[in-house]
Amino acid sequence: MTEQAEAYRIDAIGLLCPLPILRFKKRIQGLPSGTLVEFLADDPTSRRDLQALCDMAGHRLEWVREEGDGVLRYGVYLA
């Protein structure tokens, strides 16, 4: 992973709904369109909530990977 990609990782592990999505929304403000953001969360509702946010905002949820211990890593391209 490049240093630039590292800068756009958002860690919401340990946060419960709605905090993971609120953190995501806050941290992506000002990032350019097309930026790949890695989002880590362990809240069971994060997948549904992130997909709903992407649908509303036009972002593209590119992939989801299970990391273990209930943590999911999402790759999101910003609109």
PDB file of N, CA and C in Angstrom:
ATOM      1  N   MET A   1       0.849  -1.178   0.000  1.00  0.00           N
ATOM      2  CA  MET A   1       0.000   0.000   0.000  1.00  0.00           C
ATOM      3  C   MET A   1       0.891   1.235   0.000  1.00  0.00           C
ATOM      4  N   THR A   2       0.529   2.229  -0.762  1.00  0.00           N
ATOM      5  CA  THR A   2       1.330   3.439  -0.853  1.00  0.00           C
ATOM      6  C   THR A   2       1.080   4.350   0.330  1.00  0.00           C
ATOM      7  N   GLU A   3       1.992   5.301   0.541  1.00  0.00           N
ATOM      8  CA  GLU A   3       1.824   6.248   1.636  1.00  0.00           C
ATOM      9  C   GLU A   3       0.556   7.066   1.456  1.00  0.00           C
ATOM     10  N   GLN A   4       0.251   7.433   0.216  1.00  0.00           N
ATOM     11  CA  GLN A   4      -0.949   8.223  -0.044  1.00  0.00           C
ATOM     12  C   GLN A   4      -2.194   7.451   0.380  1.00  0.00           C
ATOM     13  N   ALA A   5      -2.269   6.169   0.055  1.00  0.00           N
ATOM     14  CA  ALA A   5      -3.426   5.366   0.434  1.00  0.00           C
ATOM     15  C   ALA A   5      -3.523   5.262   1.952  1.00  0.00           C
ATOM     16  N   GLU A   6      -2.369   5.175   2.624  1.00  0.00           N
ATOM     17  CA  GLU A   6      -2.365   5.110   4.088  1.00  0.00           C
ATOM     18  C   GLU A   6      -3.069   6.326   4.689  1.00  0.00           C
ATOM     19  N   ALA A   7      -2.899   7.475   4.063  1.00  0.00           N
ATOM     20  CA  ALA A   7      -3.462   8.714   4.594  1.00  0.00           C
ATOM     21  C   ALA A   7      -4.991   8.707   4.553  1.00  0.00           C
ATOM     22  N   TYR A   8      -5.565   7.839   3.743  1.00  0.00           N
ATOM     23  CA  TYR A   8      -7.016   7.820   3.582  1.00  0.00           C
ATOM     24  C   TYR A   8      -7.647   6.578   4.192  1.00  0.00           C
ATOM     25  N   ARG A   9      -7.034   6.063   5.233  1.00  0.00           N
ATOM     26  CA  ARG A   9      -7.605   4.938   5.972  1.00  0.00           C
ATOM     27  C   ARG A   9      -8.393   5.516   7.144  1.00  0.00           C
ATOM     28  N   ILE A  10      -9.599   5.034   7.315  1.00  0.00           N
ATOM     29  CA  ILE A  10     -10.445   5.492   8.409  1.00  0.00           C
ATOM     30  C   ILE A  10     -10.743   4.301   9.301  1.00  0.00           C
ATOM     31  N   ASP A  11     -10.354   4.407  10.565  1.00  0.00           N
ATOM     32  CA  ASP A  11     -10.530   3.322  11.517  1.00  0.00           C
ATOM     33  C   ASP A  11     -11.712   3.643  12.429  1.00  0.00           C
ATOM     34  N   ALA A  12     -12.765   2.830  12.324  1.00  0.00           N
ATOM     35  CA  ALA A  12     -13.939   3.003  13.186  1.00  0.00           C
ATOM     36  C   ALA A  12     -14.172   1.756  14.039  1.00  0.00           C
ATOM     37  N   ILE A  13     -13.117   0.988  14.251  1.00  0.00           N
ATOM     38  CA  ILE A  13     -13.221  -0.228  15.059  1.00  0.00           C
ATOM     39  C   ILE A  13     -13.549   0.157  16.502  1.00  0.00           C
ATOM     40  N   GLY A  14     -14.534  -0.536  17.056  1.00  0.00           N
ATOM     41  CA  GLY A  14     -14.942  -0.280  18.420  1.00  0.00           C
ATOM     42  C   GLY A  14     -16.075   0.718  18.552  1.00  0.00           C
ATOM     43  N   LEU A  15     -16.430   1.381  17.460  1.00  0.00           N
ATOM     44  CA  LEU A  15     -17.536   2.335  17.486  1.00  0.00           C
ATOM     45  C   LEU A  15     -18.830   1.644  17.091  1.00  0.00           C
ATOM     46  N   LEU A  16     -19.921   2.051  17.709  1.00  0.00           N
ATOM     47  CA  LEU A  16     -21.231   1.482  17.394  1.00  0.00           C
ATOM     48  C   LEU A  16     -22.073   2.496  16.632  1.00  0.00           C
ATOM     49  N   CYS A  17     -23.027   1.975  15.874  1.00  0.00           N
ATOM     50  CA  CYS A  17     -23.938   2.764  15.060  1.00  0.00           C
ATOM     51  C   CYS A  17     -24.543   3.906  15.884  1.00  0.00           C
ATOM     52  N   PRO A  18     -24.554   5.099  15.361  1.00  0.00           N
ATOM     53  CA  PRO A  18     -24.207   5.561  14.020  1.00  0.00           C
ATOM     54  C   PRO A  18     -22.788   6.108  13.895  1.00  0.00           C
ATOM     55  N   LEU A  19     -21.961   5.943  14.927  1.00  0.00           N
ATOM     56  CA  LEU A  19     -20.644   6.581  14.941  1.00  0.00           C
ATOM     57  C   LEU A  19     -19.709   6.179  13.796  1.00  0.00           C
ATOM     58  N   PRO A  20     -19.663   4.904  13.351  1.00  0.00           N
ATOM     59  CA  PRO A  20     -18.763   4.590  12.238  1.00  0.00           C
ATOM     60  C   PRO A  20     -19.066   5.405  10.974  1.00  0.00           C
ATOM     61  N   ILE A  21     -20.330   5.520  10.618  1.00  0.00           N
ATOM     62  CA  ILE A  21     -20.689   6.244   9.397  1.00  0.00           C
ATOM     63  C   ILE A  21     -20.487   7.745   9.588  1.00  0.00           C
ATOM     64  N   LEU A  22     -20.764   8.242  10.768  1.00  0.00           N
ATOM     65  CA  LEU A  22     -20.513   9.663  11.033  1.00  0.00           C
ATOM     66  C   LEU A  22     -19.024   9.971  10.923  1.00  0.00           C
ATOM     67  N   ARG A  23     -18.177   9.086  11.439  1.00  0.00           N
ATOM     68  CA  ARG A  23     -16.721   9.288  11.308  1.00  0.00           C
ATOM     69  C   ARG A  23     -16.319   9.262   9.839  1.00  0.00           C
ATOM     70  N   PHE A  24     -16.855   8.305   9.083  1.00  0.00           N
ATOM     71  CA  PHE A  24     -16.546   8.216   7.657  1.00  0.00           C
ATOM     72  C   PHE A  24     -16.905   9.523   6.955  1.00  0.00           C
ATOM     73  N   LYS A  25     -18.131   9.994   7.175  1.00  0.00           N
ATOM     74  CA  LYS A  25     -18.589  11.217   6.508  1.00  0.00           C
ATOM     75  C   LYS A  25     -17.709  12.416   6.863  1.00  0.00           C
ATOM     76  N   LYS A  26     -17.329  12.526   8.122  1.00  0.00           N
ATOM     77  CA  LYS A  26     -16.505  13.658   8.557  1.00  0.00           C
ATOM     78  C   LYS A  26     -15.114  13.605   7.938  1.00  0.00           C
ATOM     79  N   ARG A  27     -14.519  12.421   7.927  1.00  0.00           N
ATOM     80  CA  ARG A  27     -13.130  12.294   7.478  1.00  0.00           C
ATOM     81  C   ARG A  27     -12.966  12.395   5.958  1.00  0.00           C
ATOM     82  N   ILE A  28     -14.043  12.147   5.197  1.00  0.00           N
ATOM     83  CA  ILE A  28     -13.896  12.234   3.735  1.00  0.00           C
ATOM     84  C   ILE A  28     -14.139  13.649   3.218  1.00  0.00           C
ATOM     85  N   GLN A  29     -14.603  14.541   4.074  1.00  0.00           N
ATOM     86  CA  GLN A  29     -14.845  15.916   3.635  1.00  0.00           C
ATOM     87  C   GLN A  29     -13.559  16.510   3.083  1.00  0.00           C
ATOM     88  N   GLY A  30     -13.652  17.065   1.894  1.00  0.00           N
ATOM     89  CA  GLY A  30     -12.510  17.710   1.272  1.00  0.00           C
ATOM     90  C   GLY A  30     -11.617  16.790   0.463  1.00  0.00           C
ATOM     91  N   LEU A  31     -11.837  15.474   0.531  1.00  0.00           N
ATOM     92  CA  LEU A  31     -11.037  14.563  -0.286  1.00  0.00           C
ATOM     93  C   LEU A  31     -11.532  14.618  -1.728  1.00  0.00           C
ATOM     94  N   PRO A  32     -10.629  14.533  -2.679  1.00  0.00           N
ATOM     95  CA  PRO A  32     -11.041  14.639  -4.087  1.00  0.00           C
ATOM     96  C   PRO A  32     -11.807  13.415  -4.580  1.00  0.00           C
ATOM     97  N   SER A  33     -12.639  13.646  -5.575  1.00  0.00           N
ATOM     98  CA  SER A  33     -13.373  12.568  -6.239  1.00  0.00           C
ATOM     99  C   SER A  33     -12.379  11.552  -6.780  1.00  0.00           C
ATOM    100  N   GLY A  34     -12.732  10.282  -6.676  1.00  0.00           N
ATOM    101  CA  GLY A  34     -11.867   9.224  -7.169  1.00  0.00           C
ATOM    102  C   GLY A  34     -10.902   8.683  -6.128  1.00  0.00           C
ATOM    103  N   THR A  35     -10.858   9.318  -4.960  1.00  0.00           N
ATOM    104  CA  THR A  35      -9.986   8.857  -3.888  1.00  0.00           C
ATOM    105  C   THR A  35     -10.471   7.509  -3.371  1.00  0.00           C
ATOM    106  N   LEU A  36      -9.536   6.583  -3.200  1.00  0.00           N
ATOM    107  CA  LEU A  36      -9.855   5.300  -2.582  1.00  0.00           C
ATOM    108  C   LEU A  36      -9.674   5.443  -1.078  1.00  0.00           C
ATOM    109  N   VAL A  37     -10.737   5.159  -0.345  1.00  0.00           N
ATOM    110  CA  VAL A  37     -10.702   5.222   1.112  1.00  0.00           C
ATOM    111  C   VAL A  37     -10.882   3.815   1.656  1.00  0.00           C
ATOM    112  N   GLU A  38      -9.969   3.409   2.540  1.00  0.00           N
ATOM    113  CA  GLU A  38     -10.134   2.151   3.253  1.00  0.00           C
ATOM    114  C   GLU A  38     -10.809   2.465   4.572  1.00  0.00           C
ATOM    115  N   PHE A  39     -11.894   1.766   4.834  1.00  0.00           N
ATOM    116  CA  PHE A  39     -12.701   2.002   6.023  1.00  0.00           C
ATOM    117  C   PHE A  39     -12.767   0.709   6.806  1.00  0.00           C
ATOM    118  N   LEU A  40     -12.360   0.752   8.075  1.00  0.00           N
ATOM    119  CA  LEU A  40     -12.380  -0.424   8.936  1.00  0.00           C
ATOM    120  C   LEU A  40     -13.432  -0.243  10.012  1.00  0.00           C
ATOM    121  N   ALA A  41     -14.279  -1.251  10.177  1.00  0.00           N
ATOM    122  CA  ALA A  41     -15.333  -1.199  11.188  1.00  0.00           C
ATOM    123  C   ALA A  41     -15.665  -2.609  11.645  1.00  0.00           C
ATOM    124  N   ASP A  42     -16.141  -2.696  12.890  1.00  0.00           N
ATOM    125  CA  ASP A  42     -16.574  -3.985  13.409  1.00  0.00           C
ATOM    126  C   ASP A  42     -18.029  -3.951  13.872  1.00  0.00           C
ATOM    127  N   ASP A  43     -18.699  -2.835  13.644  1.00  0.00           N
ATOM    128  CA  ASP A  43     -20.124  -2.737  13.973  1.00  0.00           C
ATOM    129  C   ASP A  43     -20.918  -3.573  12.969  1.00  0.00           C
ATOM    130  N   PRO A  44     -21.813  -4.451  13.438  1.00  0.00           N
ATOM    131  CA  PRO A  44     -22.550  -5.329  12.524  1.00  0.00           C
ATOM    132  C   PRO A  44     -23.394  -4.586  11.489  1.00  0.00           C
ATOM    133  N   THR A  45     -23.791  -3.360  11.773  1.00  0.00           N
ATOM    134  CA  THR A  45     -24.630  -2.620  10.821  1.00  0.00           C
ATOM    135  C   THR A  45     -23.812  -1.785   9.837  1.00  0.00           C
ATOM    136  N   SER A  46     -22.490  -1.788   9.979  1.00  0.00           N
ATOM    137  CA  SER A  46     -21.669  -0.902   9.151  1.00  0.00           C
ATOM    138  C   SER A  46     -21.791  -1.197   7.659  1.00  0.00           C
ATOM    139  N   ARG A  47     -21.926  -2.459   7.302  1.00  0.00           N
ATOM    140  CA  ARG A  47     -21.999  -2.798   5.878  1.00  0.00           C
ATOM    141  C   ARG A  47     -23.256  -2.207   5.243  1.00  0.00           C
ATOM    142  N   ARG A  48     -24.382  -2.384   5.898  1.00  0.00           N
ATOM    143  CA  ARG A  48     -25.647  -1.840   5.390  1.00  0.00           C
ATOM    144  C   ARG A  48     -25.615  -0.315   5.375  1.00  0.00           C
ATOM    145  N   ASP A  49     -25.111   0.268   6.454  1.00  0.00           N
ATOM    146  CA  ASP A  49     -25.074   1.727   6.561  1.00  0.00           C
ATOM    147  C   ASP A  49     -24.133   2.351   5.533  1.00  0.00           C
ATOM    148  N   LEU A  50     -22.967   1.744   5.340  1.00  0.00           N
ATOM    149  CA  LEU A  50     -22.019   2.276   4.360  1.00  0.00           C
ATOM    150  C   LEU A  50     -22.577   2.157   2.946  1.00  0.00           C
ATOM    151  N   GLN A  51     -23.220   1.039   2.643  1.00  0.00           N
ATOM    152  CA  GLN A  51     -23.816   0.881   1.312  1.00  0.00           C
ATOM    153  C   GLN A  51     -24.896   1.931   1.088  1.00  0.00           C
ATOM    154  N   ALA A  52     -25.722   2.198   2.101  1.00  0.00           N
ATOM    155  CA  ALA A  52     -26.768   3.224   1.973  1.00  0.00           C
ATOM    156  C   ALA A  52     -26.157   4.602   1.750  1.00  0.00           C
ATOM    157  N   LEU A  53     -25.084   4.917   2.476  1.00  0.00           N
ATOM    158  CA  LEU A  53     -24.413   6.203   2.284  1.00  0.00           C
ATOM    159  C   LEU A  53     -23.845   6.306   0.878  1.00  0.00           C
ATOM    160  N   CYS A  54     -23.205   5.244   0.417  1.00  0.00           N
ATOM    161  CA  CYS A  54     -22.641   5.238  -0.940  1.00  0.00           C
ATOM    162  C   CYS A  54     -23.730   5.432  -1.988  1.00  0.00           C
ATOM    163  N   ASP A  55     -24.854   4.765  -1.813  1.00  0.00           N
ATOM    164  CA  ASP A  55     -25.966   4.900  -2.759  1.00  0.00           C
ATOM    165  C   ASP A  55     -26.469   6.338  -2.803  1.00  0.00           C
ATOM    166  N   MET A  56     -26.567   6.976  -1.643  1.00  0.00           N
ATOM    167  CA  MET A  56     -27.075   8.353  -1.583  1.00  0.00           C
ATOM    168  C   MET A  56     -26.071   9.366  -2.130  1.00  0.00           C
ATOM    169  N   ALA A  57     -24.794   9.155  -1.843  1.00  0.00           N
ATOM    170  CA  ALA A  57     -23.773  10.149  -2.196  1.00  0.00           C
ATOM    171  C   ALA A  57     -23.102   9.875  -3.536  1.00  0.00           C
ATOM    172  N   GLY A  58     -23.347   8.692  -4.110  1.00  0.00           N
ATOM    173  CA  GLY A  58     -22.730   8.358  -5.389  1.00  0.00           C
ATOM    174  C   GLY A  58     -21.353   7.735  -5.269  1.00  0.00           C
ATOM    175  N   HIS A  59     -20.912   7.434  -4.048  1.00  0.00           N
ATOM    176  CA  HIS A  59     -19.633   6.747  -3.866  1.00  0.00           C
ATOM    177  C   HIS A  59     -19.783   5.297  -4.328  1.00  0.00           C
ATOM    178  N   ARG A  60     -18.647   4.642  -4.612  1.00  0.00           N
ATOM    179  CA  ARG A  60     -18.698   3.253  -5.071  1.00  0.00           C
ATOM    180  C   ARG A  60     -18.008   2.347  -4.053  1.00  0.00           C
ATOM    181  N   LEU A  61     -18.785   1.465  -3.445  1.00  0.00           N
ATOM    182  CA  LEU A  61     -18.227   0.457  -2.544  1.00  0.00           C
ATOM    183  C   LEU A  61     -17.628  -0.632  -3.425  1.00  0.00           C
ATOM    184  N   GLU A  62     -16.307  -0.643  -3.520  1.00  0.00           N
ATOM    185  CA  GLU A  62     -15.604  -1.502  -4.465  1.00  0.00           C
ATOM    186  C   GLU A  62     -15.385  -2.911  -3.934  1.00  0.00           C
ATOM    187  N   TRP A  63     -15.038  -3.031  -2.649  1.00  0.00           N
ATOM    188  CA  TRP A  63     -14.787  -4.348  -2.081  1.00  0.00           C
ATOM    189  C   TRP A  63     -14.963  -4.332  -0.573  1.00  0.00           C
ATOM    190  N   VAL A  64     -15.169  -5.552  -0.044  1.00  0.00           N
ATOM    191  CA  VAL A  64     -15.269  -5.763   1.401  1.00  0.00           C
ATOM    192  C   VAL A  64     -14.438  -6.997   1.720  1.00  0.00           C
ATOM    193  N   ARG A  65     -13.586  -6.880   2.738  1.00  0.00           N
ATOM    194  CA  ARG A  65     -12.744  -8.010   3.149  1.00  0.00           C
ATOM    195  C   ARG A  65     -12.902  -8.243   4.645  1.00  0.00           C
ATOM    196  N   GLU A  66     -13.033  -9.498   5.010  1.00  0.00           N
ATOM    197  CA  GLU A  66     -13.081  -9.848   6.433  1.00  0.00           C
ATOM    198  C   GLU A  66     -11.651  -9.945   6.942  1.00  0.00           C
ATOM    199  N   GLU A  67     -11.381  -9.230   8.027  1.00  0.00           N
ATOM    200  CA  GLU A  67     -10.037  -9.169   8.586  1.00  0.00           C
ATOM    201  C   GLU A  67      -9.859 -10.100   9.784  1.00  0.00           C
ATOM    202  N   GLY A  68     -10.943 -10.641  10.322  1.00  0.00           N
ATOM    203  CA  GLY A  68     -10.870 -11.445  11.541  1.00  0.00           C
ATOM    204  C   GLY A  68     -11.362 -10.630  12.723  1.00  0.00           C
ATOM    205  N   ASP A  69     -11.759 -11.312  13.777  1.00  0.00           N
ATOM    206  CA  ASP A  69     -12.292 -10.673  14.983  1.00  0.00           C
ATOM    207  C   ASP A  69     -13.487  -9.765  14.679  1.00  0.00           C
ATOM    208  N   GLY A  70     -14.231 -10.073  13.623  1.00  0.00           N
ATOM    209  CA  GLY A  70     -15.413  -9.288  13.282  1.00  0.00           C
ATOM    210  C   GLY A  70     -15.136  -7.987  12.550  1.00  0.00           C
ATOM    211  N   VAL A  71     -13.885  -7.728  12.219  1.00  0.00           N
ATOM    212  CA  VAL A  71     -13.517  -6.487  11.540  1.00  0.00           C
ATOM    213  C   VAL A  71     -13.679  -6.663  10.034  1.00  0.00           C
ATOM    214  N   LEU A  72     -14.331  -5.689   9.426  1.00  0.00           N
ATOM    215  CA  LEU A  72     -14.465  -5.650   7.973  1.00  0.00           C
ATOM    216  C   LEU A  72     -13.694  -4.451   7.447  1.00  0.00           C
ATOM    217  N   ARG A  73     -12.986  -4.652   6.324  1.00  0.00           N
ATOM    218  CA  ARG A  73     -12.241  -3.591   5.647  1.00  0.00           C
ATOM    219  C   ARG A  73     -12.952  -3.325   4.320  1.00  0.00           C
ATOM    220  N   TYR A  74     -13.354  -2.085   4.132  1.00  0.00           N
ATOM    221  CA  TYR A  74     -14.090  -1.682   2.934  1.00  0.00           C
ATOM    222  C   TYR A  74     -13.199  -0.813   2.061  1.00  0.00           C
ATOM    223  N   GLY A  75     -13.331  -0.960   0.767  1.00  0.00           N
ATOM    224  CA  GLY A  75     -12.685  -0.071  -0.183  1.00  0.00           C
ATOM    225  C   GLY A  75     -13.750   0.747  -0.867  1.00  0.00           C
ATOM    226  N   VAL A  76     -13.695   2.063  -0.707  1.00  0.00           N
ATOM    227  CA  VAL A  76     -14.715   2.955  -1.244  1.00  0.00           C
ATOM    228  C   VAL A  76     -14.049   4.017  -2.114  1.00  0.00           C
ATOM    229  N   TYR A  77     -14.522   4.142  -3.368  1.00  0.00           N
ATOM    230  CA  TYR A  77     -14.089   5.227  -4.235  1.00  0.00           C
ATOM    231  C   TYR A  77     -15.075   6.369  -4.085  1.00  0.00           C
ATOM    232  N   LEU A  78     -14.547   7.545  -3.764  1.00  0.00           N
ATOM    233  CA  LEU A  78     -15.403   8.694  -3.544  1.00  0.00           C
ATOM    234  C   LEU A  78     -15.901   9.294  -4.847  1.00  0.00           C
ATOM    235  N   ALA A  79     -17.136   9.769  -4.809  1.00  0.00           N
ATOM    236  CA  ALA A  79     -17.742  10.423  -5.979  1.00  0.00           C
ATOM    237  C   ALA A  79     -17.231  11.844  -6.085  1.00  0.00           C
TER     238      ALA A  79
END
